[in-house]
Amino acid sequence: MVFFWSFIIYSFLGYLLEKLFAAVKKSPHQVRKCRLLLPLCPVYGLGMAAVVALPTSLMDSAVQVWFFGGLVVTAVEFVTHLFYDKGLGVRFWDYSDTKFHMQGRVCLSFSLIWGGLVTVAIYALQPWIEVLAQNVPSGITYALLLISTADAVFSCRVLWWGGHVDWMSVPVLLQMLQKENR
């Protein structure tokens, strides 16, 4: 249960962080989520679930949490980008214009930031998430798991079919479907 709730909560917090980042940068791409219905950015949830799964021996100090957490989240980000790019034909992010990037999928500056965010999350948020995960009724967890899984499958289908990240908005998707049916 802890991994699932970590995934959901950090995916939602990642969505909020992405919205804030888009607003600050005045990005023309404002959708900022990877799911059609739920406000989630799964790369954040997957990254933090992977960090939570790390052996405790790698998490003895804040420096270790920052280093190994940042490394793990960067690896998850790389693999997630590969899945979106090669599997679904879309790119949610591209670091090609950033120094010290790897194939535009990850870059050093964000890896350093991820390490800091992971450290804050592990010490400030994760204890609360673990308590929450233990106290949420299993029916709610299973219902959210079902909804989240259905949304993930449908979202992947829409991305694969539509080929554009802006389709992750119901109004945009409906508009595109109307154009397709003309």
N, C-alpha and C. Protein backbone atom coordinates (compact mmCIF):
# COMPACT_ATOMS: atom_id res chain seq x y z
N MET A 1 0.81 -1.20 0.00
CA MET A 1 0.00 0.00 0.00
C MET A 1 0.86 1.27 0.00
N VAL A 2 2.00 1.21 0.70
CA VAL A 2 2.86 2.39 0.78
C VAL A 2 3.36 2.79 -0.61
N PHE A 3 3.73 1.79 -1.43
CA PHE A 3 4.23 2.12 -2.77
C PHE A 3 3.13 2.76 -3.62
N PHE A 4 1.93 2.21 -3.54
CA PHE A 4 0.83 2.76 -4.32
C PHE A 4 0.52 4.20 -3.90
N TRP A 5 0.38 4.42 -2.60
CA TRP A 5 0.06 5.77 -2.13
C TRP A 5 1.22 6.73 -2.38
N SER A 6 2.45 6.25 -2.28
CA SER A 6 3.61 7.09 -2.64
C SER A 6 3.51 7.48 -4.10
N PHE A 7 3.20 6.50 -4.96
CA PHE A 7 3.06 6.78 -6.38
C PHE A 7 1.98 7.83 -6.63
N ILE A 8 0.81 7.65 -6.07
CA ILE A 8 -0.31 8.57 -6.31
C ILE A 8 0.01 9.97 -5.77
N ILE A 9 0.47 10.06 -4.54
CA ILE A 9 0.70 11.37 -3.93
C ILE A 9 1.83 12.11 -4.63
N TYR A 10 2.94 11.42 -4.90
CA TYR A 10 4.05 12.11 -5.57
C TYR A 10 3.72 12.42 -7.03
N SER A 11 2.90 11.60 -7.68
CA SER A 11 2.46 11.92 -9.05
C SER A 11 1.61 13.19 -9.04
N PHE A 12 0.75 13.31 -8.03
CA PHE A 12 -0.08 14.52 -7.92
C PHE A 12 0.78 15.74 -7.58
N LEU A 13 1.70 15.59 -6.63
CA LEU A 13 2.58 16.70 -6.28
C LEU A 13 3.45 17.09 -7.48
N GLY A 14 3.87 16.11 -8.26
CA GLY A 14 4.62 16.39 -9.48
C GLY A 14 3.79 17.17 -10.48
N TYR A 15 2.52 16.82 -10.59
CA TYR A 15 1.61 17.57 -11.46
C TYR A 15 1.54 19.03 -11.01
N LEU A 16 1.38 19.25 -9.70
CA LEU A 16 1.33 20.62 -9.18
C LEU A 16 2.64 21.36 -9.46
N LEU A 17 3.75 20.68 -9.25
CA LEU A 17 5.07 21.28 -9.52
C LEU A 17 5.20 21.64 -11.00
N GLU A 18 4.73 20.75 -11.87
CA GLU A 18 4.78 21.02 -13.32
C GLU A 18 3.91 22.22 -13.70
N LYS A 19 2.73 22.32 -13.09
CA LYS A 19 1.86 23.47 -13.36
C LYS A 19 2.53 24.77 -12.92
N LEU A 20 3.16 24.76 -11.75
CA LEU A 20 3.87 25.92 -11.26
C LEU A 20 5.02 26.28 -12.19
N PHE A 21 5.79 25.28 -12.58
CA PHE A 21 6.92 25.49 -13.49
C PHE A 21 6.45 26.08 -14.82
N ALA A 22 5.35 25.55 -15.36
CA ALA A 22 4.82 26.06 -16.62
C ALA A 22 4.36 27.51 -16.48
N ALA A 23 3.74 27.83 -15.35
CA ALA A 23 3.27 29.20 -15.13
C ALA A 23 4.45 30.17 -15.00
N VAL A 24 5.45 29.77 -14.24
CA VAL A 24 6.63 30.63 -14.04
C VAL A 24 7.37 30.85 -15.36
N LYS A 25 7.51 29.78 -16.14
CA LYS A 25 8.23 29.86 -17.42
C LYS A 25 7.36 30.40 -18.55
N LYS A 26 6.05 30.63 -18.25
CA LYS A 26 5.10 31.07 -19.27
C LYS A 26 5.14 30.15 -20.49
N SER A 27 5.13 28.86 -20.20
CA SER A 27 5.21 27.84 -21.23
C SER A 27 3.94 27.81 -22.08
N PRO A 28 4.09 27.65 -23.39
CA PRO A 28 2.90 27.51 -24.23
C PRO A 28 2.21 26.16 -24.01
N HIS A 29 2.94 25.20 -23.46
CA HIS A 29 2.39 23.87 -23.17
C HIS A 29 1.94 23.85 -21.72
N GLN A 30 0.63 24.03 -21.48
CA GLN A 30 0.11 24.16 -20.12
C GLN A 30 -0.56 22.90 -19.57
N VAL A 31 -0.75 21.86 -20.39
CA VAL A 31 -1.47 20.68 -19.91
C VAL A 31 -0.71 20.06 -18.75
N ARG A 32 0.56 19.74 -18.93
CA ARG A 32 1.49 19.33 -17.88
C ARG A 32 1.11 18.08 -17.11
N LYS A 33 0.39 17.19 -17.72
CA LYS A 33 0.12 15.92 -17.04
C LYS A 33 0.22 14.81 -18.07
N CYS A 34 0.35 13.61 -17.58
CA CYS A 34 0.53 12.47 -18.46
C CYS A 34 -0.66 11.53 -18.40
N ARG A 35 -1.71 11.95 -17.78
CA ARG A 35 -2.93 11.17 -17.68
C ARG A 35 -4.07 12.01 -18.20
N LEU A 36 -5.02 11.36 -18.81
CA LEU A 36 -6.14 12.09 -19.40
C LEU A 36 -7.09 12.64 -18.34
N LEU A 37 -7.47 11.81 -17.37
CA LEU A 37 -8.47 12.23 -16.40
C LEU A 37 -7.87 12.69 -15.07
N LEU A 38 -6.98 11.93 -14.52
CA LEU A 38 -6.42 12.26 -13.21
C LEU A 38 -5.28 13.25 -13.33
N PRO A 39 -5.19 14.20 -12.42
CA PRO A 39 -4.10 15.19 -12.46
C PRO A 39 -2.81 14.56 -11.89
N LEU A 40 -2.16 13.75 -12.72
CA LEU A 40 -0.97 13.03 -12.28
C LEU A 40 0.15 13.14 -13.31
N CYS A 41 1.38 13.24 -12.82
CA CYS A 41 2.59 13.09 -13.62
C CYS A 41 3.29 11.85 -13.08
N PRO A 42 3.06 10.71 -13.70
CA PRO A 42 3.55 9.45 -13.15
C PRO A 42 5.05 9.35 -12.98
N VAL A 43 5.83 10.09 -13.74
CA VAL A 43 7.29 9.99 -13.60
C VAL A 43 7.72 10.35 -12.17
N TYR A 44 7.03 11.30 -11.56
CA TYR A 44 7.35 11.68 -10.17
C TYR A 44 6.99 10.53 -9.22
N GLY A 45 5.82 9.96 -9.42
CA GLY A 45 5.39 8.86 -8.56
C GLY A 45 6.25 7.63 -8.72
N LEU A 46 6.59 7.29 -9.97
CA LEU A 46 7.46 6.14 -10.20
C LEU A 46 8.84 6.36 -9.59
N GLY A 47 9.35 7.57 -9.76
CA GLY A 47 10.67 7.89 -9.20
C GLY A 47 10.69 7.76 -7.69
N MET A 48 9.69 8.32 -7.04
CA MET A 48 9.67 8.26 -5.57
C MET A 48 9.35 6.86 -5.06
N ALA A 49 8.53 6.10 -5.76
CA ALA A 49 8.29 4.71 -5.36
C ALA A 49 9.59 3.92 -5.46
N ALA A 50 10.39 4.19 -6.48
CA ALA A 50 11.69 3.52 -6.61
C ALA A 50 12.64 3.93 -5.49
N VAL A 51 12.60 5.19 -5.10
CA VAL A 51 13.45 5.66 -4.00
C VAL A 51 13.03 4.99 -2.69
N VAL A 52 11.73 4.92 -2.46
CA VAL A 52 11.22 4.29 -1.23
C VAL A 52 11.65 2.82 -1.17
N ALA A 53 11.80 2.20 -2.33
CA ALA A 53 12.20 0.79 -2.39
C ALA A 53 13.70 0.57 -2.19
N LEU A 54 14.48 1.65 -2.18
CA LEU A 54 15.93 1.50 -2.00
C LEU A 54 16.25 0.87 -0.64
N PRO A 55 17.33 0.11 -0.58
CA PRO A 55 17.74 -0.44 0.71
C PRO A 55 18.05 0.67 1.71
N THR A 56 17.68 0.46 2.94
CA THR A 56 17.92 1.49 3.97
C THR A 56 19.39 1.80 4.14
N SER A 57 20.26 0.86 3.80
CA SER A 57 21.70 1.11 3.92
C SER A 57 22.17 2.21 2.97
N LEU A 58 21.41 2.48 1.91
CA LEU A 58 21.75 3.57 0.99
C LEU A 58 21.14 4.89 1.42
N MET A 59 20.36 4.87 2.50
CA MET A 59 19.61 6.06 2.91
C MET A 59 19.96 6.47 4.34
N ASP A 60 21.19 6.26 4.75
CA ASP A 60 21.61 6.53 6.13
C ASP A 60 21.76 8.01 6.46
N SER A 61 22.02 8.83 5.45
CA SER A 61 22.24 10.26 5.70
C SER A 61 21.56 11.08 4.62
N ALA A 62 21.41 12.36 4.87
CA ALA A 62 20.80 13.25 3.88
C ALA A 62 21.63 13.29 2.60
N VAL A 63 22.93 13.21 2.73
CA VAL A 63 23.80 13.21 1.53
C VAL A 63 23.55 11.96 0.70
N GLN A 64 23.42 10.81 1.36
CA GLN A 64 23.14 9.57 0.64
C GLN A 64 21.75 9.62 0.01
N VAL A 65 20.78 10.14 0.72
CA VAL A 65 19.43 10.26 0.17
C VAL A 65 19.46 11.16 -1.06
N TRP A 66 20.16 12.29 -0.96
CA TRP A 66 20.27 13.21 -2.09
C TRP A 66 20.95 12.53 -3.27
N PHE A 67 22.08 11.87 -3.03
CA PHE A 67 22.85 11.26 -4.12
C PHE A 67 22.11 10.07 -4.74
N PHE A 68 21.79 9.07 -3.94
CA PHE A 68 21.15 7.87 -4.47
C PHE A 68 19.71 8.15 -4.93
N GLY A 69 19.01 9.00 -4.20
CA GLY A 69 17.66 9.37 -4.61
C GLY A 69 17.67 10.09 -5.94
N GLY A 70 18.56 11.05 -6.09
CA GLY A 70 18.67 11.78 -7.35
C GLY A 70 19.07 10.87 -8.50
N LEU A 71 19.97 9.93 -8.22
CA LEU A 71 20.40 8.97 -9.23
C LEU A 71 19.25 8.06 -9.67
N VAL A 72 18.51 7.55 -8.71
CA VAL A 72 17.39 6.66 -9.02
C VAL A 72 16.29 7.40 -9.77
N VAL A 73 15.94 8.59 -9.33
CA VAL A 73 14.89 9.35 -10.02
C VAL A 73 15.34 9.70 -11.44
N THR A 74 16.60 10.02 -11.62
CA THR A 74 17.11 10.31 -12.96
C THR A 74 17.02 9.08 -13.85
N ALA A 75 17.34 7.91 -13.30
CA ALA A 75 17.23 6.67 -14.08
C ALA A 75 15.77 6.40 -14.45
N VAL A 76 14.86 6.61 -13.50
CA VAL A 76 13.44 6.43 -13.78
C VAL A 76 12.98 7.44 -14.84
N GLU A 77 13.44 8.67 -14.73
CA GLU A 77 13.08 9.68 -15.72
C GLU A 77 13.55 9.28 -17.12
N PHE A 78 14.77 8.75 -17.21
CA PHE A 78 15.32 8.32 -18.50
C PHE A 78 14.46 7.20 -19.11
N VAL A 79 14.17 6.18 -18.31
CA VAL A 79 13.39 5.04 -18.80
C VAL A 79 11.96 5.46 -19.14
N THR A 80 11.37 6.33 -18.33
CA THR A 80 10.02 6.81 -18.61
C THR A 80 9.99 7.59 -19.92
N HIS A 81 10.99 8.44 -20.11
CA HIS A 81 11.07 9.20 -21.36
C HIS A 81 11.20 8.26 -22.55
N LEU A 82 12.01 7.23 -22.40
CA LEU A 82 12.18 6.23 -23.46
C LEU A 82 10.85 5.56 -23.79
N PHE A 83 10.10 5.20 -22.76
CA PHE A 83 8.79 4.57 -22.97
C PHE A 83 7.85 5.51 -23.72
N TYR A 84 7.76 6.76 -23.27
CA TYR A 84 6.88 7.71 -23.95
C TYR A 84 7.33 7.94 -25.40
N ASP A 85 8.64 8.11 -25.58
CA ASP A 85 9.18 8.44 -26.90
C ASP A 85 9.09 7.26 -27.86
N LYS A 86 9.64 6.13 -27.47
CA LYS A 86 9.70 4.97 -28.36
C LYS A 86 8.40 4.16 -28.37
N GLY A 87 7.75 4.06 -27.22
CA GLY A 87 6.55 3.25 -27.13
C GLY A 87 5.28 3.95 -27.57
N LEU A 88 5.17 5.24 -27.23
CA LEU A 88 3.93 5.97 -27.53
C LEU A 88 4.11 7.08 -28.56
N GLY A 89 5.36 7.39 -28.90
CA GLY A 89 5.62 8.39 -29.92
C GLY A 89 5.40 9.83 -29.49
N VAL A 90 5.54 10.11 -28.19
CA VAL A 90 5.37 11.48 -27.70
C VAL A 90 6.54 11.87 -26.81
N ARG A 91 6.75 13.16 -26.67
CA ARG A 91 7.78 13.70 -25.78
C ARG A 91 7.13 14.72 -24.86
N PHE A 92 7.15 14.40 -23.57
CA PHE A 92 6.62 15.34 -22.59
C PHE A 92 7.67 16.38 -22.22
N TRP A 93 8.93 16.03 -22.30
CA TRP A 93 10.00 16.97 -21.99
C TRP A 93 11.17 16.70 -22.90
N ASP A 94 12.01 17.73 -23.06
CA ASP A 94 13.19 17.61 -23.90
C ASP A 94 14.26 18.55 -23.34
N TYR A 95 15.34 17.97 -22.87
CA TYR A 95 16.43 18.76 -22.28
C TYR A 95 17.55 19.03 -23.28
N SER A 96 17.28 18.87 -24.57
CA SER A 96 18.32 19.01 -25.59
C SER A 96 19.01 20.37 -25.56
N ASP A 97 18.30 21.40 -25.14
CA ASP A 97 18.90 22.74 -25.10
C ASP A 97 19.56 23.04 -23.75
N THR A 98 19.67 22.03 -22.91
CA THR A 98 20.27 22.18 -21.58
C THR A 98 21.67 21.55 -21.60
N LYS A 99 22.61 22.19 -20.91
CA LYS A 99 23.97 21.62 -20.83
C LYS A 99 23.95 20.29 -20.09
N PHE A 100 24.87 19.45 -20.47
CA PHE A 100 25.08 18.16 -19.82
C PHE A 100 23.82 17.29 -19.81
N HIS A 101 23.20 17.18 -20.99
CA HIS A 101 22.03 16.32 -21.11
C HIS A 101 22.42 14.98 -21.74
N MET A 102 21.56 14.00 -21.58
CA MET A 102 21.76 12.70 -22.20
C MET A 102 20.57 12.42 -23.10
N GLN A 103 20.79 12.54 -24.41
CA GLN A 103 19.77 12.31 -25.43
C GLN A 103 18.53 13.17 -25.22
N GLY A 104 18.65 14.27 -24.50
CA GLY A 104 17.51 15.14 -24.24
C GLY A 104 16.54 14.58 -23.21
N ARG A 105 16.83 13.39 -22.70
CA ARG A 105 15.92 12.71 -21.77
C ARG A 105 16.16 13.11 -20.32
N VAL A 106 17.39 13.29 -19.94
CA VAL A 106 17.77 13.71 -18.59
C VAL A 106 18.90 14.72 -18.71
N CYS A 107 19.11 15.50 -17.66
CA CYS A 107 20.23 16.44 -17.66
C CYS A 107 20.73 16.62 -16.24
N LEU A 108 21.98 17.06 -16.15
CA LEU A 108 22.64 17.19 -14.85
C LEU A 108 21.91 18.17 -13.93
N SER A 109 21.50 19.32 -14.44
CA SER A 109 20.88 20.32 -13.56
C SER A 109 19.60 19.78 -12.92
N PHE A 110 18.76 19.09 -13.69
CA PHE A 110 17.56 18.54 -13.09
C PHE A 110 17.86 17.35 -12.19
N SER A 111 18.90 16.59 -12.50
CA SER A 111 19.29 15.49 -11.61
C SER A 111 19.68 16.03 -10.24
N LEU A 112 20.38 17.15 -10.22
CA LEU A 112 20.75 17.77 -8.94
C LEU A 112 19.50 18.26 -8.20
N ILE A 113 18.58 18.83 -8.94
CA ILE A 113 17.32 19.29 -8.34
C ILE A 113 16.53 18.11 -7.79
N TRP A 114 16.47 17.01 -8.58
CA TRP A 114 15.74 15.83 -8.11
C TRP A 114 16.30 15.33 -6.79
N GLY A 115 17.64 15.34 -6.67
CA GLY A 115 18.26 14.91 -5.41
C GLY A 115 17.76 15.74 -4.24
N GLY A 116 17.66 17.04 -4.42
CA GLY A 116 17.16 17.91 -3.37
C GLY A 116 15.69 17.67 -3.06
N LEU A 117 14.89 17.52 -4.11
CA LEU A 117 13.46 17.25 -3.91
C LEU A 117 13.24 15.91 -3.23
N VAL A 118 14.02 14.92 -3.60
CA VAL A 118 13.91 13.60 -2.97
C VAL A 118 14.25 13.69 -1.48
N THR A 119 15.29 14.42 -1.16
CA THR A 119 15.70 14.56 0.24
C THR A 119 14.59 15.20 1.07
N VAL A 120 14.01 16.27 0.56
CA VAL A 120 12.90 16.92 1.26
C VAL A 120 11.72 15.95 1.39
N ALA A 121 11.41 15.25 0.31
CA ALA A 121 10.27 14.34 0.32
C ALA A 121 10.48 13.20 1.32
N ILE A 122 11.66 12.62 1.35
CA ILE A 122 11.91 11.48 2.24
C ILE A 122 11.81 11.89 3.70
N TYR A 123 12.33 13.05 4.04
CA TYR A 123 12.33 13.47 5.45
C TYR A 123 11.03 14.18 5.86
N ALA A 124 10.43 14.94 4.96
CA ALA A 124 9.27 15.74 5.35
C ALA A 124 7.92 15.11 4.99
N LEU A 125 7.85 14.38 3.88
CA LEU A 125 6.57 13.86 3.42
C LEU A 125 6.38 12.36 3.63
N GLN A 126 7.42 11.59 3.40
CA GLN A 126 7.27 10.14 3.41
C GLN A 126 6.75 9.58 4.73
N PRO A 127 7.18 10.09 5.89
CA PRO A 127 6.59 9.57 7.13
C PRO A 127 5.06 9.75 7.19
N TRP A 128 4.57 10.86 6.68
CA TRP A 128 3.13 11.11 6.65
C TRP A 128 2.43 10.18 5.66
N ILE A 129 3.06 9.96 4.52
CA ILE A 129 2.48 9.08 3.51
C ILE A 129 2.38 7.66 4.05
N GLU A 130 3.38 7.22 4.78
CA GLU A 130 3.35 5.87 5.35
C GLU A 130 2.22 5.72 6.36
N VAL A 131 2.00 6.74 7.17
CA VAL A 131 0.88 6.71 8.12
C VAL A 131 -0.45 6.70 7.36
N LEU A 132 -0.57 7.55 6.36
CA LEU A 132 -1.78 7.61 5.55
C LEU A 132 -2.06 6.26 4.90
N ALA A 133 -1.04 5.67 4.29
CA ALA A 133 -1.21 4.39 3.59
C ALA A 133 -1.71 3.30 4.52
N GLN A 134 -1.31 3.34 5.77
CA GLN A 134 -1.74 2.33 6.74
C GLN A 134 -3.17 2.57 7.22
N ASN A 135 -3.66 3.79 7.08
CA ASN A 135 -4.97 4.14 7.63
C ASN A 135 -6.08 4.31 6.61
N VAL A 136 -5.77 4.31 5.34
CA VAL A 136 -6.80 4.43 4.32
C VAL A 136 -7.49 3.07 4.19
N PRO A 137 -8.80 3.06 4.22
CA PRO A 137 -9.51 1.79 4.05
C PRO A 137 -9.13 1.12 2.72
N SER A 138 -8.99 -0.19 2.74
CA SER A 138 -8.54 -0.91 1.55
C SER A 138 -9.50 -0.72 0.38
N GLY A 139 -10.79 -0.54 0.65
CA GLY A 139 -11.75 -0.31 -0.43
C GLY A 139 -11.44 0.95 -1.22
N ILE A 140 -11.03 1.99 -0.51
CA ILE A 140 -10.66 3.25 -1.19
C ILE A 140 -9.40 3.05 -2.01
N THR A 141 -8.43 2.34 -1.44
CA THR A 141 -7.18 2.08 -2.16
C THR A 141 -7.46 1.29 -3.43
N TYR A 142 -8.27 0.23 -3.34
CA TYR A 142 -8.56 -0.59 -4.51
C TYR A 142 -9.38 0.17 -5.55
N ALA A 143 -10.30 1.00 -5.11
CA ALA A 143 -11.08 1.81 -6.05
C ALA A 143 -10.18 2.78 -6.80
N LEU A 144 -9.28 3.44 -6.07
CA LEU A 144 -8.35 4.37 -6.73
C LEU A 144 -7.38 3.62 -7.64
N LEU A 145 -6.96 2.44 -7.24
CA LEU A 145 -6.10 1.62 -8.09
C LEU A 145 -6.81 1.28 -9.39
N LEU A 146 -8.07 0.92 -9.31
CA LEU A 146 -8.85 0.59 -10.50
C LEU A 146 -9.01 1.81 -11.41
N ILE A 147 -9.37 2.93 -10.84
CA ILE A 147 -9.53 4.17 -11.61
C ILE A 147 -8.21 4.59 -12.23
N SER A 148 -7.15 4.54 -11.45
CA SER A 148 -5.83 4.94 -11.93
C SER A 148 -5.34 4.03 -13.06
N THR A 149 -5.57 2.73 -12.91
CA THR A 149 -5.16 1.79 -13.95
C THR A 149 -5.94 2.02 -15.24
N ALA A 150 -7.25 2.19 -15.12
CA ALA A 150 -8.08 2.46 -16.31
C ALA A 150 -7.64 3.76 -16.99
N ASP A 151 -7.37 4.78 -16.20
CA ASP A 151 -6.91 6.06 -16.75
C ASP A 151 -5.56 5.90 -17.44
N ALA A 152 -4.66 5.11 -16.85
CA ALA A 152 -3.34 4.89 -17.45
C ALA A 152 -3.46 4.18 -18.80
N VAL A 153 -4.28 3.14 -18.85
CA VAL A 153 -4.46 2.39 -20.09
C VAL A 153 -5.09 3.29 -21.16
N PHE A 154 -6.13 3.99 -20.79
CA PHE A 154 -6.80 4.87 -21.75
C PHE A 154 -5.86 6.00 -22.19
N SER A 155 -5.11 6.56 -21.27
CA SER A 155 -4.18 7.64 -21.60
C SER A 155 -3.11 7.17 -22.57
N CYS A 156 -2.56 5.98 -22.34
CA CYS A 156 -1.56 5.43 -23.26
C CYS A 156 -2.15 5.25 -24.65
N ARG A 157 -3.38 4.78 -24.69
CA ARG A 157 -4.05 4.59 -25.98
C ARG A 157 -4.24 5.92 -26.70
N VAL A 158 -4.67 6.93 -25.97
CA VAL A 158 -4.87 8.26 -26.58
C VAL A 158 -3.53 8.82 -27.06
N LEU A 159 -2.49 8.69 -26.26
CA LEU A 159 -1.18 9.21 -26.67
C LEU A 159 -0.66 8.47 -27.91
N TRP A 160 -0.78 7.15 -27.90
CA TRP A 160 -0.31 6.37 -29.03
C TRP A 160 -1.09 6.71 -30.30
N TRP A 161 -2.39 6.87 -30.15
CA TRP A 161 -3.24 7.17 -31.29
C TRP A 161 -3.07 8.62 -31.75
N GLY A 162 -3.08 9.56 -30.79
CA GLY A 162 -3.04 10.97 -31.12
C GLY A 162 -1.66 11.52 -31.39
N GLY A 163 -0.67 10.96 -30.71
CA GLY A 163 0.71 11.37 -30.95
C GLY A 163 1.09 12.75 -30.45
N HIS A 164 0.29 13.30 -29.51
CA HIS A 164 0.64 14.63 -29.01
C HIS A 164 0.25 14.75 -27.55
N VAL A 165 1.13 15.33 -26.75
CA VAL A 165 0.90 15.43 -25.31
C VAL A 165 -0.27 16.36 -24.96
N ASP A 166 -0.60 17.29 -25.81
CA ASP A 166 -1.70 18.20 -25.51
C ASP A 166 -3.06 17.49 -25.56
N TRP A 167 -3.10 16.26 -26.04
CA TRP A 167 -4.33 15.49 -26.05
C TRP A 167 -4.68 15.01 -24.65
N MET A 168 -3.84 15.25 -23.67
CA MET A 168 -4.11 14.84 -22.29
C MET A 168 -5.02 15.81 -21.57
N SER A 169 -5.85 16.48 -22.32
CA SER A 169 -6.88 17.37 -21.80
C SER A 169 -8.19 16.96 -22.46
N VAL A 170 -9.21 16.69 -21.67
CA VAL A 170 -10.48 16.23 -22.22
C VAL A 170 -11.04 17.20 -23.25
N PRO A 171 -11.07 18.52 -22.99
CA PRO A 171 -11.59 19.43 -24.03
C PRO A 171 -10.78 19.37 -25.33
N VAL A 172 -9.46 19.29 -25.22
CA VAL A 172 -8.62 19.21 -26.42
C VAL A 172 -8.88 17.88 -27.15
N LEU A 173 -8.98 16.80 -26.39
CA LEU A 173 -9.25 15.50 -26.99
C LEU A 173 -10.59 15.51 -27.73
N LEU A 174 -11.61 16.04 -27.10
CA LEU A 174 -12.92 16.12 -27.76
C LEU A 174 -12.87 16.96 -29.03
N GLN A 175 -12.15 18.06 -28.96
CA GLN A 175 -12.00 18.92 -30.13
C GLN A 175 -11.29 18.17 -31.27
N MET A 176 -10.23 17.42 -30.93
CA MET A 176 -9.50 16.66 -31.94
C MET A 176 -10.36 15.53 -32.52
N LEU A 177 -11.15 14.90 -31.68
CA LEU A 177 -12.04 13.84 -32.16
C LEU A 177 -13.09 14.39 -33.11
N GLN A 178 -13.59 15.59 -32.82
CA GLN A 178 -14.55 16.21 -33.73
C GLN A 178 -13.92 16.50 -35.08
N LYS A 179 -12.67 16.96 -35.08
CA LYS A 179 -11.96 17.21 -36.34
C LYS A 179 -11.76 15.91 -37.12
N GLU A 180 -11.44 14.83 -36.41
CA GLU A 180 -11.22 13.54 -37.05
C GLU A 180 -12.49 13.02 -37.71
N ASN A 181 -13.64 13.31 -37.12
CA ASN A 181 -14.91 12.78 -37.62
C ASN A 181 -15.51 13.62 -38.75
N ARG A 182 -14.88 14.70 -39.09
CA ARG A 182 -15.41 15.55 -40.19
C ARG A 182 -15.06 15.00 -41.53
